[in-house]
Amino acid sequence: MTTPPSSFGSLLRHLRRAAGLTQDELAERARMSKRGLQDLELGASQRPRQSTLALLAAALDLSA
C-alpha cells in the first residue's frame, strides 16, 4: 500500500509522473511557465489560483 501525497506539490508531482509527463510538457499543456510549475511542486507557491488549478486539471485530464 502506498502513502498518499502529503502536500499539493507532492500530489501535483505524483499526478504529473503518473501521466508520464515532464515538467516542460505539463507546463506547455497547462499554458504556464516551467518555473511556475516547479514552484508549485516544490511548495514555494502555497495557494495556486483557481484558474491555475483548472488549467492543470485539464492538462492532466482529471475529471471533476
PDB file of N, CA and C in Angstrom:
ATOM      1  N   MET A   1       0.845  -1.183   0.000  1.00  0.00           N
ATOM      2  CA  MET A   1       0.000   0.000   0.000  1.00  0.00           C
ATOM      3  C   MET A   1       0.883   1.236   0.000  1.00  0.00           C
ATOM      4  N   THR A   2       0.549   2.210  -0.870  1.00  0.00           N
ATOM      5  CA  THR A   2       1.341   3.432  -0.934  1.00  0.00           C
ATOM      6  C   THR A   2       0.685   4.521  -0.103  1.00  0.00           C
ATOM      7  N   THR A   3       1.499   5.436   0.371  1.00  0.00           N
ATOM      8  CA  THR A   3       1.001   6.554   1.159  1.00  0.00           C
ATOM      9  C   THR A   3       0.576   7.672   0.228  1.00  0.00           C
ATOM     10  N   PRO A   4      -0.561   8.308   0.484  1.00  0.00           N
ATOM     11  CA  PRO A   4      -0.991   9.400  -0.377  1.00  0.00           C
ATOM     12  C   PRO A   4      -0.071  10.611  -0.216  1.00  0.00           C
ATOM     13  N   PRO A   5       0.075  11.421  -1.265  1.00  0.00           N
ATOM     14  CA  PRO A   5       0.900  12.619  -1.169  1.00  0.00           C
ATOM     15  C   PRO A   5       0.419  13.518  -0.028  1.00  0.00           C
ATOM     16  N   SER A   6       1.370  14.134   0.664  1.00  0.00           N
ATOM     17  CA  SER A   6       1.030  14.911   1.859  1.00  0.00           C
ATOM     18  C   SER A   6       0.859  16.404   1.607  1.00  0.00           C
ATOM     19  N   SER A   7       1.166  16.881   0.416  1.00  0.00           N
ATOM     20  CA  SER A   7       1.022  18.300   0.114  1.00  0.00           C
ATOM     21  C   SER A   7       0.544  18.462  -1.325  1.00  0.00           C
ATOM     22  N   PHE A   8       0.106  19.664  -1.640  1.00  0.00           N
ATOM     23  CA  PHE A   8      -0.325  19.924  -3.013  1.00  0.00           C
ATOM     24  C   PHE A   8       0.816  19.677  -3.989  1.00  0.00           C
ATOM     25  N   GLY A   9       2.011  20.142  -3.644  1.00  0.00           N
ATOM     26  CA  GLY A   9       3.161  19.984  -4.520  1.00  0.00           C
ATOM     27  C   GLY A   9       3.486  18.525  -4.795  1.00  0.00           C
ATOM     28  N   SER A  10       3.461  17.707  -3.748  1.00  0.00           N
ATOM     29  CA  SER A  10       3.767  16.288  -3.958  1.00  0.00           C
ATOM     30  C   SER A  10       2.639  15.592  -4.715  1.00  0.00           C
ATOM     31  N   LEU A  11       1.400  16.013  -4.503  1.00  0.00           N
ATOM     32  CA  LEU A  11       0.280  15.464  -5.271  1.00  0.00           C
ATOM     33  C   LEU A  11       0.419  15.829  -6.745  1.00  0.00           C
ATOM     34  N   LEU A  12       0.749  17.070  -7.019  1.00  0.00           N
ATOM     35  CA  LEU A  12       0.919  17.513  -8.404  1.00  0.00           C
ATOM     36  C   LEU A  12       2.046  16.734  -9.076  1.00  0.00           C
ATOM     37  N   ARG A  13       3.164  16.587  -8.406  1.00  0.00           N
ATOM     38  CA  ARG A  13       4.296  15.829  -8.951  1.00  0.00           C
ATOM     39  C   ARG A  13       3.884  14.374  -9.215  1.00  0.00           C
ATOM     40  N   HIS A  14       3.164  13.776  -8.273  1.00  0.00           N
ATOM     41  CA  HIS A  14       2.684  12.399  -8.435  1.00  0.00           C
ATOM     42  C   HIS A  14       1.771  12.274  -9.656  1.00  0.00           C
ATOM     43  N   LEU A  15       0.829  13.191  -9.799  1.00  0.00           N
ATOM     44  CA  LEU A  15      -0.103  13.147 -10.935  1.00  0.00           C
ATOM     45  C   LEU A  15       0.617  13.373 -12.259  1.00  0.00           C
ATOM     46  N   ARG A  16       1.591  14.288 -12.262  1.00  0.00           N
ATOM     47  CA  ARG A  16       2.353  14.554 -13.481  1.00  0.00           C
ATOM     48  C   ARG A  16       3.135  13.312 -13.902  1.00  0.00           C
ATOM     49  N   ARG A  17       3.797  12.696 -12.953  1.00  0.00           N
ATOM     50  CA  ARG A  17       4.573  11.498 -13.272  1.00  0.00           C
ATOM     51  C   ARG A  17       3.676  10.338 -13.688  1.00  0.00           C
ATOM     52  N   ALA A  18       2.528  10.198 -13.029  1.00  0.00           N
ATOM     53  CA  ALA A  18       1.588   9.130 -13.385  1.00  0.00           C
ATOM     54  C   ALA A  18       1.068   9.319 -14.809  1.00  0.00           C
ATOM     55  N   ALA A  19       0.981  10.579 -15.236  1.00  0.00           N
ATOM     56  CA  ALA A  19       0.532  10.871 -16.604  1.00  0.00           C
ATOM     57  C   ALA A  19       1.674  10.716 -17.612  1.00  0.00           C
ATOM     58  N   GLY A  20       2.887  10.458 -17.109  1.00  0.00           N
ATOM     59  CA  GLY A  20       4.027  10.275 -17.995  1.00  0.00           C
ATOM     60  C   GLY A  20       4.539  11.562 -18.606  1.00  0.00           C
ATOM     61  N   LEU A  21       4.354  12.678 -17.879  1.00  0.00           N
ATOM     62  CA  LEU A  21       4.744  13.985 -18.410  1.00  0.00           C
ATOM     63  C   LEU A  21       5.968  14.539 -17.684  1.00  0.00           C
ATOM     64  N   THR A  22       6.784  15.264 -18.417  1.00  0.00           N
ATOM     65  CA  THR A  22       7.869  16.021 -17.802  1.00  0.00           C
ATOM     66  C   THR A  22       7.299  17.359 -17.330  1.00  0.00           C
ATOM     67  N   GLN A  23       8.086  18.085 -16.559  1.00  0.00           N
ATOM     68  CA  GLN A  23       7.638  19.417 -16.148  1.00  0.00           C
ATOM     69  C   GLN A  23       7.426  20.306 -17.365  1.00  0.00           C
ATOM     70  N   ASP A  24       8.317  20.220 -18.330  1.00  0.00           N
ATOM     71  CA  ASP A  24       8.169  21.024 -19.555  1.00  0.00           C
ATOM     72  C   ASP A  24       6.859  20.708 -20.272  1.00  0.00           C
ATOM     73  N   GLU A  25       6.558  19.427 -20.394  1.00  0.00           N
ATOM     74  CA  GLU A  25       5.349  19.017 -21.110  1.00  0.00           C
ATOM     75  C   GLU A  25       4.089  19.480 -20.388  1.00  0.00           C
ATOM     76  N   LEU A  26       4.047  19.302 -19.073  1.00  0.00           N
ATOM     77  CA  LEU A  26       2.860  19.738 -18.331  1.00  0.00           C
ATOM     78  C   LEU A  26       2.728  21.248 -18.361  1.00  0.00           C
ATOM     79  N   ALA A  27       3.824  21.961 -18.211  1.00  0.00           N
ATOM     80  CA  ALA A  27       3.773  23.425 -18.260  1.00  0.00           C
ATOM     81  C   ALA A  27       3.220  23.899 -19.600  1.00  0.00           C
ATOM     82  N   GLU A  28       3.678  23.275 -20.681  1.00  0.00           N
ATOM     83  CA  GLU A  28       3.190  23.653 -22.010  1.00  0.00           C
ATOM     84  C   GLU A  28       1.701  23.349 -22.142  1.00  0.00           C
ATOM     85  N   ARG A  29       1.286  22.161 -21.720  1.00  0.00           N
ATOM     86  CA  ARG A  29      -0.142  21.790 -21.802  1.00  0.00           C
ATOM     87  C   ARG A  29      -1.020  22.715 -20.973  1.00  0.00           C
ATOM     88  N   ALA A  30      -0.512  23.123 -19.801  1.00  0.00           N
ATOM     89  CA  ALA A  30      -1.302  23.959 -18.893  1.00  0.00           C
ATOM     90  C   ALA A  30      -1.141  25.449 -19.195  1.00  0.00           C
ATOM     91  N   ARG A  31      -0.356  25.766 -20.221  1.00  0.00           N
ATOM     92  CA  ARG A  31      -0.115  27.160 -20.609  1.00  0.00           C
ATOM     93  C   ARG A  31       0.421  27.977 -19.435  1.00  0.00           C
ATOM     94  N   MET A  32       1.419  27.425 -18.779  1.00  0.00           N
ATOM     95  CA  MET A  32       2.070  28.145 -17.689  1.00  0.00           C
ATOM     96  C   MET A  32       3.579  27.963 -17.830  1.00  0.00           C
ATOM     97  N   SER A  33       4.336  28.750 -17.075  1.00  0.00           N
ATOM     98  CA  SER A  33       5.783  28.650 -17.165  1.00  0.00           C
ATOM     99  C   SER A  33       6.278  27.423 -16.410  1.00  0.00           C
ATOM    100  N   LYS A  34       7.421  26.910 -16.870  1.00  0.00           N
ATOM    101  CA  LYS A  34       8.026  25.779 -16.173  1.00  0.00           C
ATOM    102  C   LYS A  34       8.381  26.205 -14.749  1.00  0.00           C
ATOM    103  N   ARG A  35       8.853  27.417 -14.594  1.00  0.00           N
ATOM    104  CA  ARG A  35       9.215  27.928 -13.260  1.00  0.00           C
ATOM    105  C   ARG A  35       7.995  27.944 -12.338  1.00  0.00           C
ATOM    106  N   GLY A  36       6.856  28.366 -12.855  1.00  0.00           N
ATOM    107  CA  GLY A  36       5.628  28.363 -12.059  1.00  0.00           C
ATOM    108  C   GLY A  36       5.247  26.968 -11.616  1.00  0.00           C
ATOM    109  N   LEU A  37       5.383  26.006 -12.517  1.00  0.00           N
ATOM    110  CA  LEU A  37       5.084  24.614 -12.195  1.00  0.00           C
ATOM    111  C   LEU A  37       6.069  24.088 -11.152  1.00  0.00           C
ATOM    112  N   GLN A  38       7.346  24.398 -11.337  1.00  0.00           N
ATOM    113  CA  GLN A  38       8.356  23.978 -10.363  1.00  0.00           C
ATOM    114  C   GLN A  38       8.045  24.552  -8.978  1.00  0.00           C
ATOM    115  N   ASP A  39       7.668  25.823  -8.927  1.00  0.00           N
ATOM    116  CA  ASP A  39       7.328  26.452  -7.646  1.00  0.00           C
ATOM    117  C   ASP A  39       6.165  25.732  -6.973  1.00  0.00           C
ATOM    118  N   LEU A  40       5.177  25.331  -7.753  1.00  0.00           N
ATOM    119  CA  LEU A  40       4.045  24.595  -7.189  1.00  0.00           C
ATOM    120  C   LEU A  40       4.487  23.239  -6.653  1.00  0.00           C
ATOM    121  N   GLU A  41       5.288  22.525  -7.414  1.00  0.00           N
ATOM    122  CA  GLU A  41       5.737  21.203  -6.987  1.00  0.00           C
ATOM    123  C   GLU A  41       6.643  21.275  -5.759  1.00  0.00           C
ATOM    124  N   LEU A  42       7.428  22.324  -5.657  1.00  0.00           N
ATOM    125  CA  LEU A  42       8.349  22.462  -4.529  1.00  0.00           C
ATOM    126  C   LEU A  42       7.692  23.090  -3.299  1.00  0.00           C
ATOM    127  N   GLY A  43       6.466  23.575  -3.463  1.00  0.00           N
ATOM    128  CA  GLY A  43       5.773  24.180  -2.338  1.00  0.00           C
ATOM    129  C   GLY A  43       6.081  25.653  -2.144  1.00  0.00           C
ATOM    130  N   ALA A  44       6.809  26.265  -3.087  1.00  0.00           N
ATOM    131  CA  ALA A  44       7.121  27.689  -2.983  1.00  0.00           C
ATOM    132  C   ALA A  44       5.866  28.533  -3.180  1.00  0.00           C
ATOM    133  N   SER A  45       4.937  28.043  -3.984  1.00  0.00           N
ATOM    134  CA  SER A  45       3.636  28.686  -4.168  1.00  0.00           C
ATOM    135  C   SER A  45       2.617  27.836  -3.418  1.00  0.00           C
ATOM    136  N   GLN A  46       2.156  28.327  -2.297  1.00  0.00           N
ATOM    137  CA  GLN A  46       1.275  27.545  -1.434  1.00  0.00           C
ATOM    138  C   GLN A  46      -0.187  27.535  -1.887  1.00  0.00           C
ATOM    139  N   ARG A  47      -0.632  28.621  -2.485  1.00  0.00           N
ATOM    140  CA  ARG A  47      -2.044  28.739  -2.853  1.00  0.00           C
ATOM    141  C   ARG A  47      -2.205  29.089  -4.328  1.00  0.00           C
ATOM    142  N   PRO A  48      -2.281  28.075  -5.173  1.00  0.00           N
ATOM    143  CA  PRO A  48      -2.474  28.376  -6.600  1.00  0.00           C
ATOM    144  C   PRO A  48      -3.859  28.961  -6.840  1.00  0.00           C
ATOM    145  N   ARG A  49      -3.942  29.791  -7.834  1.00  0.00           N
ATOM    146  CA  ARG A  49      -5.231  30.389  -8.216  1.00  0.00           C
ATOM    147  C   ARG A  49      -6.167  29.317  -8.749  1.00  0.00           C
ATOM    148  N   GLN A  50      -7.442  29.571  -8.631  1.00  0.00           N
ATOM    149  CA  GLN A  50      -8.455  28.634  -9.136  1.00  0.00           C
ATOM    150  C   GLN A  50      -8.265  28.396 -10.628  1.00  0.00           C
ATOM    151  N   SER A  51      -7.930  29.457 -11.361  1.00  0.00           N
ATOM    152  CA  SER A  51      -7.728  29.306 -12.808  1.00  0.00           C
ATOM    153  C   SER A  51      -6.522  28.414 -13.107  1.00  0.00           C
ATOM    154  N   THR A  52      -5.475  28.502 -12.296  1.00  0.00           N
ATOM    155  CA  THR A  52      -4.302  27.647 -12.466  1.00  0.00           C
ATOM    156  C   THR A  52      -4.667  26.198 -12.190  1.00  0.00           C
ATOM    157  N   LEU A  53      -5.452  25.963 -11.154  1.00  0.00           N
ATOM    158  CA  LEU A  53      -5.901  24.610 -10.837  1.00  0.00           C
ATOM    159  C   LEU A  53      -6.715  24.024 -11.986  1.00  0.00           C
ATOM    160  N   ALA A  54      -7.569  24.847 -12.573  1.00  0.00           N
ATOM    161  CA  ALA A  54      -8.396  24.384 -13.688  1.00  0.00           C
ATOM    162  C   ALA A  54      -7.523  24.022 -14.896  1.00  0.00           C
ATOM    163  N   LEU A  55      -6.511  24.842 -15.181  1.00  0.00           N
ATOM    164  CA  LEU A  55      -5.616  24.551 -16.299  1.00  0.00           C
ATOM    165  C   LEU A  55      -4.831  23.268 -16.054  1.00  0.00           C
ATOM    166  N   LEU A  56      -4.345  23.075 -14.832  1.00  0.00           N
ATOM    167  CA  LEU A  56      -3.598  21.868 -14.502  1.00  0.00           C
ATOM    168  C   LEU A  56      -4.491  20.634 -14.585  1.00  0.00           C
ATOM    169  N   ALA A  57      -5.710  20.747 -14.081  1.00  0.00           N
ATOM    170  CA  ALA A  57      -6.642  19.610 -14.135  1.00  0.00           C
ATOM    171  C   ALA A  57      -6.926  19.218 -15.582  1.00  0.00           C
ATOM    172  N   ALA A  58      -7.148  20.210 -16.425  1.00  0.00           N
ATOM    173  CA  ALA A  58      -7.412  19.915 -17.836  1.00  0.00           C
ATOM    174  C   ALA A  58      -6.184  19.303 -18.501  1.00  0.00           C
ATOM    175  N   ALA A  59      -5.000  19.837 -18.196  1.00  0.00           N
ATOM    176  CA  ALA A  59      -3.770  19.328 -18.806  1.00  0.00           C
ATOM    177  C   ALA A  59      -3.470  17.907 -18.369  1.00  0.00           C
ATOM    178  N   LEU A  60      -3.904  17.542 -17.169  1.00  0.00           N
ATOM    179  CA  LEU A  60      -3.687  16.188 -16.647  1.00  0.00           C
ATOM    180  C   LEU A  60      -4.867  15.260 -16.926  1.00  0.00           C
ATOM    181  N   ASP A  61      -5.863  15.767 -17.643  1.00  0.00           N
ATOM    182  CA  ASP A  61      -7.061  15.004 -17.975  1.00  0.00           C
ATOM    183  C   ASP A  61      -7.764  14.456 -16.729  1.00  0.00           C
ATOM    184  N   LEU A  62      -7.857  15.305 -15.696  1.00  0.00           N
ATOM    185  CA  LEU A  62      -8.541  14.916 -14.466  1.00  0.00           C
ATOM    186  C   LEU A  62     -10.021  15.246 -14.587  1.00  0.00           C
ATOM    187  N   SER A  63     -10.852  14.402 -14.063  1.00  0.00           N
ATOM    188  CA  SER A  63     -12.300  14.684 -14.066  1.00  0.00           C
ATOM    189  C   SER A  63     -12.656  15.501 -12.846  1.00  0.00           C
ATOM    190  N   ALA A  64     -13.842  16.070 -12.875  1.00  0.00           N
ATOM    191  CA  ALA A  64     -14.307  16.890 -11.757  1.00  0.00           C
ATOM    192  C   ALA A  64     -14.392  16.048 -10.521  1.00  0.00           C
TER     193      ALA A  64
END
